[in-house]
């Protein structure tokens, strides 16, 4: 099945403005972008996120001290993305909002960055 859009931007709630700005900049450059802001009120959050991740070419994860500290579903989101990346169906790109020591990085991010 072809991708429904180019990029999905994943983020923790406190990083919403950063993610919104990133998504807007990608849109300006002509990419089809989805992010949490596209969820409809009637959609089940975790199901919709899994659908979004499965329907993109590139999964951009905004990484900050808030990542995975505040929401359990983010780990599921990243696990889905990693599974798809291992099957060569998507590419994962971490975007850092700040420098985070390797030992303080969430486990899923450690898989991506060492």
Foldseek 3Di string as FASTA:
>chain_A
DAAPWAEEEAEFPVCVVVSVVVQVVVVVVPGGYHYPVPDDPPDDRLVVLLVNLQRYAEYEYEDDLRQCPPDVSSVVSLVSNVVCVVVVRHHYHYDYPDDDDLVSGPPSVNVVPD
